[in-house]
Amino acid sequence: MTVTQRWQGSKLVESDSPTIESEYNVFGTNDEFVAQAQLDAAVSTIFGGLVKKSVSIDERLGDEAWLGSVTWGRFEPKEVGDSSFAFDTGGGTAHKTIGIQTRSSTPHPLLIPAAPDFEGAIGVTDTGVDGVDVVVPQYQFSETHFLDVATVSAAYKATVFALTGGVNDATFKGFAAGEVLFLGAAGTLRDYETWELSYKFAASPNATSFAVGPITVPLKYGWDYLWVRYREEEDATAGHLARRPIAAYVEEVYPAVDLSLLGI
């Protein structure tokens, strides 16, 4: 395979962050990915004092001929103490067996005088309550920090491991205790002095004094699990047995941990 620079040569793009762009012809393969790899191998990593940022195949010119491009840009090294942040409010899901309110209930006009009152239960059957999966507030965010190798010791890695799957026991990143679930971290040793660590979290709001059918639940931390016990009772108006909530339970399913030990 051969790689040749196109006749117009390289173009310097002047801006706050200057770049150099250049186009190439790649010959000798009908595979686009092989052509891109060959182009990447053929051009210099450093050009005009700038570092190679991207290599792409832009157009097929023939059976074994391709048009590719390469861009060089300013090298921006990360130093100890640097950080970056990202978030996503796409929401999570929860299985609910109790609705906020029943907007309507319509009986069969010939079979029963009124629709049975299930007191908010969703998807009631003869054997149970099916419920429904709904989108609930959930804020996912990540932070990337650059730490020195002395900080990311074996003991620190063990601490991160132990905290994974835990919920904050005190205020953390502006969230109240019980609202932040630590999903874990991933690290890469960038050089002999710097670790790049990305930490992932999810946040779910605490709730107080909220209704579960006719029941008022005093407190549910964001990552607690709520479940409801039902039993059959006679609905005299409808002349029918109705499965109704008789108790609501809030269970702690994630341990409370000290996320300040992450040191971020």
Protein backbone atom coordinates (compact mmCIF):
# COMPACT_ATOMS: atom_id res chain seq x y z
CA MET A 1 0.00 0.00 0.00
CA THR A 2 1.14 3.56 -0.65
CA VAL A 3 0.21 6.92 0.91
CA THR A 4 0.84 10.18 -0.94
CA GLN A 5 0.08 13.74 0.06
CA ARG A 6 -2.30 15.54 -2.31
CA TRP A 7 -0.92 18.35 -4.43
CA GLN A 8 -2.32 21.27 -2.38
CA GLY A 9 -0.16 20.29 0.59
CA SER A 10 -0.98 21.26 4.18
CA LYS A 11 -3.23 24.09 5.34
CA LEU A 12 -2.68 26.05 8.56
CA VAL A 13 -5.91 27.12 10.21
CA GLU A 14 -5.30 30.17 12.41
CA SER A 15 -7.42 30.46 15.55
CA ASP A 16 -7.07 30.56 19.34
CA SER A 17 -6.02 26.93 18.98
CA PRO A 18 -4.19 26.61 15.61
CA THR A 19 -4.42 23.40 13.58
CA ILE A 20 -2.81 22.00 10.46
CA GLU A 21 -4.97 20.02 8.02
CA SER A 22 -3.68 17.88 5.16
CA GLU A 23 -5.23 15.50 2.61
CA TYR A 24 -3.74 12.22 1.39
CA ASN A 25 -4.34 9.55 -1.24
CA VAL A 26 -4.18 5.95 0.03
CA PHE A 27 -3.73 3.15 -2.54
CA GLY A 28 -3.53 -0.63 -2.40
CA THR A 29 -6.50 -1.85 -0.33
CA ASN A 30 -10.27 -2.12 -0.69
CA ASP A 31 -10.79 -2.06 3.09
CA GLU A 32 -11.55 1.38 4.55
CA PHE A 33 -10.29 0.48 8.04
CA VAL A 34 -7.02 -0.87 6.69
CA ALA A 35 -6.64 2.32 4.65
CA GLN A 36 -7.15 4.45 7.75
CA ALA A 37 -4.63 2.43 9.74
CA GLN A 38 -2.10 2.73 6.92
CA LEU A 39 -2.60 6.49 6.75
CA ASP A 40 -2.19 6.80 10.50
CA ALA A 41 1.06 4.84 10.39
CA ALA A 42 2.43 6.84 7.45
CA VAL A 43 2.08 10.38 8.83
CA SER A 44 4.12 11.95 11.59
CA THR A 45 2.77 12.27 15.13
CA ILE A 46 4.31 15.75 15.45
CA PHE A 47 4.07 18.24 12.57
CA GLY A 48 4.86 21.95 12.70
CA GLY A 49 5.10 21.80 16.48
CA LEU A 50 1.55 20.39 16.73
CA VAL A 51 0.40 16.89 17.71
CA LYS A 52 -1.70 14.55 15.57
CA LYS A 53 -5.36 14.83 16.64
CA SER A 54 -7.39 12.90 14.06
CA VAL A 55 -7.01 10.58 11.08
CA SER A 56 -9.98 9.81 8.82
CA ILE A 57 -10.93 8.30 5.48
CA ASP A 58 -13.30 10.77 3.83
CA GLU A 59 -14.06 9.36 0.37
CA ARG A 60 -13.59 6.29 -1.81
CA LEU A 61 -11.86 7.23 -5.07
CA GLY A 62 -11.71 3.79 -6.67
CA ASP A 63 -11.58 0.05 -6.00
CA GLU A 64 -8.33 0.38 -4.05
CA ALA A 65 -8.04 4.14 -3.74
CA TRP A 66 -9.12 6.42 -0.89
CA LEU A 67 -9.09 10.08 0.07
CA GLY A 68 -8.02 10.65 3.68
CA SER A 69 -7.30 13.60 5.93
CA VAL A 70 -5.14 14.26 8.97
CA THR A 71 -5.39 17.08 11.52
CA TRP A 72 -2.68 18.25 13.91
CA GLY A 73 -3.45 20.53 16.86
CA ARG A 74 -1.97 22.04 19.97
CA PHE A 75 -0.90 19.58 22.64
CA GLU A 76 -2.75 20.28 25.87
CA PRO A 77 -1.25 18.12 28.61
CA LYS A 78 -3.21 17.33 31.75
CA GLU A 79 -1.55 18.04 35.04
CA VAL A 80 -2.09 16.86 38.58
CA GLY A 81 -5.07 18.76 39.97
CA ASP A 82 -6.88 19.12 36.62
CA SER A 83 -10.45 17.82 36.41
CA SER A 84 -13.47 17.61 34.10
CA PHE A 85 -17.17 17.00 34.68
CA ALA A 86 -20.16 15.53 32.81
CA PHE A 87 -23.78 14.81 33.67
CA ASP A 88 -26.92 13.14 32.30
CA THR A 89 -30.51 13.68 33.45
CA GLY A 90 -31.95 10.88 31.32
CA GLY A 91 -33.68 9.43 34.36
CA GLY A 92 -33.94 5.96 35.78
CA THR A 93 -36.83 3.53 36.02
CA ALA A 94 -38.80 2.18 38.96
CA HIS A 95 -41.49 -0.46 39.27
CA LYS A 96 -44.57 1.05 40.89
CA THR A 97 -47.58 -0.87 42.12
CA ILE A 98 -49.35 2.24 43.44
CA GLY A 99 -50.32 5.26 41.34
CA ILE A 100 -50.43 8.92 42.35
CA GLN A 101 -54.18 9.02 41.84
CA THR A 102 -56.87 7.13 39.97
CA ARG A 103 -58.20 9.51 37.32
CA SER A 104 -61.19 7.32 36.46
CA SER A 105 -62.65 3.84 36.99
CA THR A 106 -65.37 2.59 34.69
CA PRO A 107 -67.37 -0.60 35.42
CA HIS A 108 -69.06 -2.87 32.92
CA PRO A 109 -72.63 -1.47 32.77
CA LEU A 110 -74.29 -4.89 32.97
CA LEU A 111 -72.04 -6.87 35.30
CA ILE A 112 -71.23 -4.72 38.34
CA PRO A 113 -72.74 -1.53 39.77
CA ALA A 114 -69.38 0.16 40.34
CA ALA A 115 -65.71 -0.45 39.58
CA PRO A 116 -63.90 -1.94 42.61
CA ASP A 117 -61.79 0.57 44.53
CA PHE A 118 -58.22 -0.75 44.69
CA GLU A 119 -57.01 2.40 46.46
CA GLY A 120 -54.41 3.20 43.80
CA ALA A 121 -53.09 -0.32 43.12
CA ILE A 122 -52.03 -0.76 39.48
CA GLY A 123 -52.61 -3.86 37.38
CA VAL A 124 -54.57 -5.83 39.96
CA THR A 125 -55.18 -9.48 39.07
CA ASP A 126 -56.71 -12.41 40.90
CA THR A 127 -53.28 -13.43 42.13
CA GLY A 128 -51.45 -10.16 42.76
CA VAL A 129 -50.61 -6.62 41.66
CA ASP A 130 -48.56 -6.35 38.46
CA GLY A 131 -47.64 -2.66 38.67
CA VAL A 132 -45.87 -0.70 35.92
CA ASP A 133 -42.33 0.50 35.14
CA VAL A 134 -42.07 4.31 35.06
CA VAL A 135 -39.32 6.90 34.53
CA VAL A 136 -38.23 8.46 37.82
CA PRO A 137 -35.83 11.35 38.54
CA GLN A 138 -32.25 10.19 38.42
CA TYR A 139 -29.22 12.40 37.89
CA GLN A 140 -26.11 10.63 36.63
CA PHE A 141 -22.81 12.43 36.68
CA SER A 142 -19.13 11.70 36.32
CA GLU A 143 -15.93 13.45 37.26
CA THR A 144 -12.45 12.93 35.85
CA HIS A 145 -9.52 13.91 38.04
CA PHE A 146 -5.78 13.81 37.45
CA LEU A 147 -3.92 12.61 40.54
CA ASP A 148 -0.28 11.98 41.28
CA VAL A 149 0.94 8.41 41.54
CA ALA A 150 1.60 8.74 45.26
CA THR A 151 -2.09 9.47 45.89
CA VAL A 152 -3.34 6.50 43.87
CA SER A 153 -1.74 3.91 46.10
CA ALA A 154 -2.84 0.33 46.65
CA ALA A 155 -4.65 1.50 49.78
CA TYR A 156 -6.52 4.20 47.83
CA LYS A 157 -7.58 1.69 45.16
CA ALA A 158 -8.87 -0.61 47.90
CA THR A 159 -10.84 2.30 49.37
CA VAL A 160 -12.45 3.09 46.02
CA PHE A 161 -13.34 -0.58 45.64
CA ALA A 162 -14.91 -0.71 49.11
CA LEU A 163 -16.98 2.45 48.53
CA THR A 164 -18.43 1.22 45.22
CA GLY A 165 -22.12 0.43 45.57
CA GLY A 166 -22.44 2.63 48.64
CA VAL A 167 -24.65 5.66 49.34
CA ASN A 168 -23.37 8.89 50.86
CA ASP A 169 -23.78 9.04 54.64
CA ALA A 170 -23.39 12.84 54.66
CA THR A 171 -23.83 15.76 52.27
CA PHE A 172 -21.82 15.10 49.08
CA LYS A 173 -21.45 17.30 45.98
CA GLY A 174 -24.44 19.33 47.11
CA PHE A 175 -26.72 16.31 47.63
CA ALA A 176 -28.26 15.33 50.95
CA ALA A 177 -27.26 12.14 52.75
CA GLY A 178 -28.84 9.10 51.11
CA GLU A 179 -29.16 10.61 47.62
CA VAL A 180 -25.85 9.71 45.90
CA LEU A 181 -24.94 6.17 44.83
CA PHE A 182 -21.27 5.63 43.94
CA LEU A 183 -21.11 3.49 40.79
CA GLY A 184 -17.35 3.03 40.81
CA ALA A 185 -14.23 4.44 39.18
CA ALA A 186 -11.88 3.61 36.32
CA GLY A 187 -8.26 4.66 36.19
CA THR A 188 -5.50 4.96 33.60
CA LEU A 189 -1.83 5.63 34.30
CA ARG A 190 -1.04 8.42 31.81
CA ASP A 191 2.66 8.68 32.56
CA TYR A 192 5.10 8.04 35.39
CA GLU A 193 3.64 10.89 37.45
CA THR A 194 -0.10 11.11 36.70
CA TRP A 195 -3.19 8.92 37.06
CA GLU A 196 -6.41 9.77 35.19
CA LEU A 197 -9.40 8.59 37.26
CA SER A 198 -13.05 8.81 36.22
CA TYR A 199 -15.66 8.50 38.98
CA LYS A 200 -19.31 7.69 38.23
CA PHE A 201 -22.31 8.55 40.41
CA ALA A 202 -26.11 8.52 40.28
CA ALA A 203 -28.40 10.68 42.38
CA SER A 204 -32.00 10.02 43.36
CA PRO A 205 -33.97 12.42 45.60
CA ASN A 206 -35.05 11.65 49.14
CA ALA A 207 -38.80 11.81 49.82
CA THR A 208 -40.73 12.60 52.99
CA SER A 209 -44.39 12.28 53.97
CA PHE A 210 -45.62 10.94 50.63
CA ALA A 211 -48.72 8.92 49.85
CA VAL A 212 -48.81 5.26 48.87
CA GLY A 213 -52.52 4.87 48.23
CA PRO A 214 -54.16 5.67 51.58
CA ILE A 215 -50.86 5.20 53.46
CA THR A 216 -48.47 8.07 54.29
CA VAL A 217 -44.80 7.04 54.30
CA PRO A 218 -42.70 9.28 56.59
CA LEU A 219 -39.30 8.96 54.87
CA LYS A 220 -37.60 7.18 51.98
CA TYR A 221 -33.97 7.90 51.20
CA GLY A 222 -33.21 8.17 47.50
CA TRP A 223 -31.77 4.68 47.08
CA ASP A 224 -34.01 2.83 49.54
CA TYR A 225 -36.44 0.27 48.11
CA LEU A 226 -40.18 0.71 48.64
CA TRP A 227 -42.57 -2.21 48.47
CA VAL A 228 -46.23 -2.60 49.35
CA ARG A 229 -48.19 -5.42 50.96
CA TYR A 230 -51.75 -6.05 49.71
CA ARG A 231 -54.72 -8.10 50.85
CA GLU A 232 -58.21 -8.74 49.53
CA GLU A 233 -61.09 -6.85 51.09
CA GLU A 234 -64.74 -6.68 50.16
CA ASP A 235 -65.87 -3.59 48.28
CA ALA A 236 -69.52 -3.36 49.30
CA THR A 237 -70.33 -0.72 46.70
CA ALA A 238 -69.04 -2.80 43.80
CA GLY A 239 -70.04 -6.14 45.30
CA HIS A 240 -66.56 -7.42 44.50
CA LEU A 241 -63.34 -8.35 46.28
CA ALA A 242 -60.68 -5.65 45.93
CA ARG A 243 -56.94 -6.10 46.49
CA ARG A 244 -55.86 -3.11 48.59
CA PRO A 245 -52.61 -1.86 50.16
CA ILE A 246 -52.40 -2.52 53.89
CA ALA A 247 -48.75 -1.65 54.61
CA ALA A 248 -45.78 0.07 52.92
CA TYR A 249 -42.18 -0.93 53.66
CA VAL A 250 -38.98 1.05 53.06
CA GLU A 251 -35.87 -1.13 52.92
CA GLU A 252 -32.22 -0.06 53.00
CA VAL A 253 -30.53 -2.01 50.20
CA TYR A 254 -27.26 -0.04 49.75
CA PRO A 255 -24.86 0.56 52.67
CA ALA A 256 -24.18 4.09 53.88
CA VAL A 257 -20.52 5.02 53.26
CA ASP A 258 -18.22 8.01 53.64
CA LEU A 259 -17.72 9.25 50.07
CA SER A 260 -15.40 12.01 51.30
CA LEU A 261 -12.75 9.25 51.40
CA LEU A 262 -12.60 9.55 47.61
CA GLY A 263 -10.82 12.85 48.15
CA ILE A 264 -12.48 14.64 45.22
